[in-house]
Amino acid sequence: MENVGSEDASGVNMELAIDDTYITLTDNTEDIGTISAGAVNDFPAAFTFTVANNVPDQYNFILNSSITDGTEVWESTMSMIAYAPVLEV
């Protein structure tokens, strides 16, 4: 996540949402805290979701994100691809 502003952003929270048959969010919120002006921060393992066993191969899905500092709200989307499992007996 990058703060492209000229001031620090504090009290930042991010929430993901999706309405999808194959994707279930199991941890959809993250308390980001403060991001300094111009800084780029990574948040590994911030969110988790499960993918249904019967997901079609190369299934495109979109996660909706809402980021707020308590005053302003920034919304965006993230496009992802799920791959069906290959099972052999």
Foldseek 3Di string as FASTA:
>chain_A
DFQQDQAKQAQKKKFKDFDDPFKAWPQGIARPGIDGHGHDDDDPPRTDMGGDLPDAAFDKGKIWMWMDSPPDIDIDIDIDTDGHDDDDD
